[in-house]
Amino acid sequence: MLFFHRRLFFLLCFASFALANTEIVNFEASDQINVHISDDHNWHVLSPGANEKSFNVQPAPFGTRMNVVCSSPQELLSKAPNCPNEIWIKLDLDHPDWKSYTKFTLRISWPGSSPADFGMNIFNPEATASRFTGKPISPPARTRVKFARIRVVDAGIFSPLSGVTEVRPVPFMVILEPLYFGLIPASIVPFLWVLLPTLFVSIIVAPYANAFLSGIAAAARRELTGKEE
């Protein structure tokens, strides 16, 4: 029975990977010097109660190195993100509901029918201000707010079942979650509350079930042996 549950768990995992791809980055929510970032851009924000958001981004051409995507002189001089191959997201880790957590995970999921490679980088306000217009806050303050930069590159391999022959914007979902004990994403906790008792019961019941089935098998063997004699 325990073996059955393990198989079911892994089958569910592999089924999800067959339907979609996932990219994950874990990071620590440490205090940093706060900097006022330019308001010229309407920042996408992830926070408790609104910790996931969907996007459609045009990927950079196939073969483009990730480190040069959206890094031309014109784009680096821009006061706000305006490159079509990337998005920037503000991560509101100062929210009271997340204050007790020190580690977080940022996850991207996109359909297997959209071939793409993703690059994710997490920046503090000072580093973000060096990329966009920013200025120190007076009096000085500290914050746990981070900024995520997500870039997309065409992977160049189309699914034969999709019928797609041209590069289209890649649909994807971005999810920000705190990590319990620094390891377990918050969305997994309800599943664990169901899985762990089931596994515990399986471990307790398995020896009795094995003994019962072994008895039936032994009885069947004795009956077969008697008939042959």
Protein backbone atom coordinates (compact mmCIF):
# COMPACT_ATOMS: atom_id res chain seq x y z
CA MET A 1 0.00 0.00 0.00
CA LEU A 2 2.84 2.36 0.81
CA PHE A 3 4.42 1.46 -2.52
CA PHE A 4 1.12 2.29 -4.21
CA HIS A 5 1.00 5.78 -2.68
CA ARG A 6 4.59 6.45 -3.66
CA ARG A 7 3.85 5.43 -7.22
CA LEU A 8 0.74 7.62 -7.30
CA PHE A 9 2.70 10.62 -5.99
CA PHE A 10 5.46 10.27 -8.59
CA LEU A 11 2.95 9.67 -11.39
CA LEU A 12 1.18 12.91 -10.50
CA CYS A 13 4.50 14.75 -10.50
CA PHE A 14 5.55 13.39 -13.88
CA ALA A 15 2.08 14.13 -15.31
CA SER A 16 2.42 17.79 -14.34
CA PHE A 17 5.89 18.01 -15.91
CA ALA A 18 4.53 16.48 -19.12
CA LEU A 19 1.95 19.27 -19.41
CA ALA A 20 4.10 22.21 -18.35
CA ASN A 21 7.62 23.40 -17.64
CA THR A 22 8.76 25.00 -14.41
CA GLU A 23 11.60 27.31 -13.42
CA ILE A 24 12.27 28.07 -9.75
CA VAL A 25 14.54 30.40 -7.80
CA ASN A 26 14.75 30.45 -4.00
CA PHE A 27 16.05 33.52 -2.19
CA GLU A 28 16.35 35.10 1.24
CA ALA A 29 14.32 38.13 2.35
CA SER A 30 17.08 40.08 4.11
CA ASP A 31 16.88 43.76 5.07
CA GLN A 32 18.47 46.15 2.58
CA ILE A 33 18.77 49.92 2.25
CA ASN A 34 15.56 51.28 0.79
CA VAL A 35 15.72 53.40 -2.36
CA HIS A 36 12.95 55.26 -4.13
CA ILE A 37 12.56 53.72 -7.60
CA SER A 38 11.19 55.77 -10.48
CA ASP A 39 7.41 55.89 -10.70
CA ASP A 40 7.59 56.17 -14.50
CA HIS A 41 6.72 52.47 -14.64
CA ASN A 42 3.54 50.88 -13.31
CA TRP A 43 5.24 48.01 -11.49
CA HIS A 44 3.70 44.57 -11.40
CA VAL A 45 3.45 43.62 -7.71
CA LEU A 46 3.22 40.23 -5.98
CA SER A 47 2.02 40.18 -2.37
CA PRO A 48 -0.08 38.00 -0.01
CA GLY A 49 -3.55 37.52 -1.47
CA ALA A 50 -2.18 38.44 -4.92
CA ASN A 51 0.90 36.23 -5.08
CA GLU A 52 0.44 34.99 -8.64
CA LYS A 53 0.11 36.72 -11.98
CA SER A 54 -0.09 35.63 -15.60
CA PHE A 55 1.91 37.17 -18.44
CA ASN A 56 2.42 36.88 -22.19
CA VAL A 57 5.93 37.86 -23.27
CA GLN A 58 7.47 37.78 -26.73
CA PRO A 59 10.66 35.68 -26.49
CA ALA A 60 13.99 36.91 -27.80
CA PRO A 61 15.10 35.15 -31.03
CA PHE A 62 16.39 31.60 -30.86
CA GLY A 63 20.09 31.44 -30.04
CA THR A 64 20.17 34.76 -28.15
CA ARG A 65 22.36 34.56 -25.05
CA MET A 66 20.36 35.23 -21.91
CA ASN A 67 22.86 37.79 -20.61
CA VAL A 68 22.38 40.04 -23.64
CA VAL A 69 18.57 39.95 -23.69
CA CYS A 70 17.19 43.45 -23.05
CA SER A 71 20.71 44.77 -22.39
CA SER A 72 21.29 47.13 -25.31
CA PRO A 73 22.56 50.66 -24.54
CA GLN A 74 19.14 52.13 -25.29
CA GLU A 75 17.38 49.73 -22.93
CA LEU A 76 19.95 50.22 -20.16
CA LEU A 77 19.39 54.01 -20.33
CA SER A 78 15.61 53.65 -20.08
CA LYS A 79 13.96 54.99 -16.92
CA ALA A 80 11.45 52.13 -16.92
CA PRO A 81 11.31 48.53 -18.21
CA ASN A 82 10.24 48.69 -21.86
CA CYS A 83 11.93 45.70 -23.50
CA PRO A 84 9.38 43.27 -25.02
CA ASN A 85 11.43 40.20 -24.02
CA GLU A 86 11.35 40.76 -20.25
CA ILE A 87 9.20 41.77 -17.30
CA TRP A 88 10.08 43.27 -13.92
CA ILE A 89 8.04 42.45 -10.82
CA LYS A 90 8.07 44.09 -7.39
CA LEU A 91 8.02 41.52 -4.57
CA ASP A 92 6.30 43.02 -1.53
CA LEU A 93 8.07 41.08 1.23
CA ASP A 94 7.39 43.89 3.72
CA HIS A 95 3.72 42.92 3.89
CA PRO A 96 2.74 42.04 7.51
CA ASP A 97 1.49 38.58 6.45
CA TRP A 98 4.98 37.70 5.19
CA LYS A 99 7.08 39.41 7.84
CA SER A 100 7.68 36.16 9.77
CA TYR A 101 9.20 34.37 6.75
CA THR A 102 12.86 34.69 5.83
CA LYS A 103 12.99 32.56 2.67
CA PHE A 104 10.82 32.63 -0.44
CA THR A 105 10.47 30.86 -3.76
CA LEU A 106 9.60 32.45 -7.10
CA ARG A 107 8.23 29.97 -9.61
CA ILE A 108 7.47 30.25 -13.32
CA SER A 109 5.23 27.73 -15.08
CA TRP A 110 4.53 27.68 -18.80
CA PRO A 111 2.92 25.17 -21.21
CA GLY A 112 5.07 22.54 -22.88
CA SER A 113 3.64 23.65 -26.23
CA SER A 114 5.46 26.99 -25.88
CA PRO A 115 9.20 26.27 -26.21
CA ALA A 116 11.14 28.86 -24.22
CA ASP A 117 14.04 29.36 -21.84
CA PHE A 118 13.65 31.66 -18.85
CA GLY A 119 16.18 33.65 -16.89
CA MET A 120 15.32 34.94 -13.41
CA ASN A 121 17.29 37.38 -11.28
CA ILE A 122 16.38 38.86 -7.89
CA PHE A 123 17.57 42.40 -7.07
CA ASN A 124 17.41 44.61 -4.00
CA PRO A 125 16.19 48.24 -4.37
CA GLU A 126 19.73 49.67 -4.63
CA ALA A 127 20.64 47.36 -7.53
CA THR A 128 17.29 48.08 -9.22
CA ALA A 129 17.82 51.83 -8.81
CA SER A 130 21.17 51.52 -10.58
CA ARG A 131 19.28 50.07 -13.56
CA PHE A 132 16.40 52.56 -13.44
CA THR A 133 16.14 56.04 -12.02
CA GLY A 134 16.20 56.01 -8.22
CA LYS A 135 17.27 58.12 -5.29
CA PRO A 136 17.98 57.53 -1.58
CA ILE A 137 15.15 57.89 0.91
CA SER A 138 15.54 60.51 3.63
CA PRO A 139 15.69 59.73 6.46
CA PRO A 140 17.40 56.42 5.57
CA ALA A 141 15.17 53.35 5.84
CA ARG A 142 15.46 49.64 5.35
CA THR A 143 13.20 47.25 3.48
CA ARG A 144 12.83 43.61 2.47
CA VAL A 145 11.26 44.50 -0.88
CA LYS A 146 12.91 42.81 -3.87
CA PHE A 147 12.58 43.13 -7.63
CA ALA A 148 12.50 40.17 -10.00
CA ARG A 149 13.74 40.41 -13.57
CA ILE A 150 12.40 37.68 -15.86
CA ARG A 151 13.72 37.29 -19.41
CA VAL A 152 12.46 34.95 -22.12
CA VAL A 153 14.30 33.37 -25.07
CA ASP A 154 12.80 31.22 -27.82
CA ALA A 155 13.89 27.58 -27.43
CA GLY A 156 13.29 26.83 -31.11
CA ILE A 157 11.54 23.47 -30.72
CA PHE A 158 7.83 23.30 -31.50
CA SER A 159 5.53 20.51 -30.42
CA PRO A 160 4.26 18.66 -33.54
CA LEU A 161 0.81 18.53 -31.92
CA SER A 162 0.56 22.28 -31.38
CA GLY A 163 0.34 23.23 -35.06
CA VAL A 164 2.45 26.33 -34.27
CA THR A 165 5.10 27.26 -36.87
CA GLU A 166 5.97 30.82 -35.80
CA VAL A 167 7.33 32.37 -32.64
CA ARG A 168 4.49 33.69 -30.53
CA PRO A 169 4.33 35.35 -27.10
CA VAL A 170 4.87 32.79 -24.35
CA PRO A 171 2.08 32.56 -21.76
CA PHE A 172 3.33 31.87 -18.25
CA MET A 173 2.36 32.14 -14.61
CA VAL A 174 4.58 33.67 -11.93
CA ILE A 175 3.97 32.60 -8.32
CA LEU A 176 5.67 33.97 -5.20
CA GLU A 177 5.44 31.89 -2.01
CA PRO A 178 7.06 31.84 1.43
CA LEU A 179 9.00 28.71 2.35
CA TYR A 180 8.05 26.96 5.58
CA PHE A 181 11.16 25.87 7.49
CA GLY A 182 13.07 27.38 4.57
CA LEU A 183 12.17 24.37 2.39
CA ILE A 184 8.43 23.78 1.86
CA PRO A 185 6.38 26.11 -0.41
CA ALA A 186 3.17 27.31 1.23
CA SER A 187 0.98 25.79 -1.52
CA ILE A 188 2.35 22.31 -0.74
CA VAL A 189 1.34 22.39 2.95
CA PRO A 190 -2.37 21.47 2.43
CA PHE A 191 -1.28 18.53 0.26
CA LEU A 192 1.14 17.37 2.98
CA TRP A 193 -1.63 17.50 5.60
CA VAL A 194 -3.49 14.93 3.48
CA LEU A 195 -0.47 12.90 2.34
CA LEU A 196 1.32 12.44 5.66
CA PRO A 197 -1.61 10.88 7.59
CA THR A 198 -2.25 8.61 4.60
CA LEU A 199 1.36 7.48 4.57
CA PHE A 200 1.32 6.98 8.33
CA VAL A 201 -1.79 4.79 8.13
CA SER A 202 -0.26 2.89 5.21
CA ILE A 203 2.88 2.13 7.24
CA ILE A 204 0.79 0.85 10.15
CA VAL A 205 -1.55 -1.24 8.00
CA ALA A 206 0.99 -2.60 5.52
CA PRO A 207 2.43 -5.41 7.77
CA TYR A 208 -1.06 -6.71 8.57
CA ALA A 209 -2.11 -6.53 4.94
CA ASN A 210 1.05 -8.35 3.85
CA ALA A 211 0.49 -11.07 6.49
CA PHE A 212 -3.15 -11.49 5.40
CA LEU A 213 -2.26 -11.74 1.72
CA SER A 214 0.62 -14.10 2.49
CA GLY A 215 -1.82 -16.35 4.34
CA ILE A 216 -4.20 -16.40 1.39
CA ALA A 217 -1.32 -17.17 -0.99
CA ALA A 218 -0.09 -20.01 1.24
CA ALA A 219 -3.58 -21.48 1.45
CA ALA A 220 -3.90 -21.29 -2.32
CA ARG A 221 -0.57 -23.07 -2.77
CA ARG A 222 -1.59 -25.85 -0.36
CA GLU A 223 -4.87 -26.30 -2.23
CA LEU A 224 -3.09 -26.51 -5.57
CA THR A 225 -0.56 -28.96 -4.16
CA GLY A 226 -3.40 -31.17 -2.78
CA LYS A 227 -5.15 -31.25 -6.14
CA GLU A 228 -1.95 -32.24 -7.93
CA GLU A 229 -1.43 -35.15 -5.52
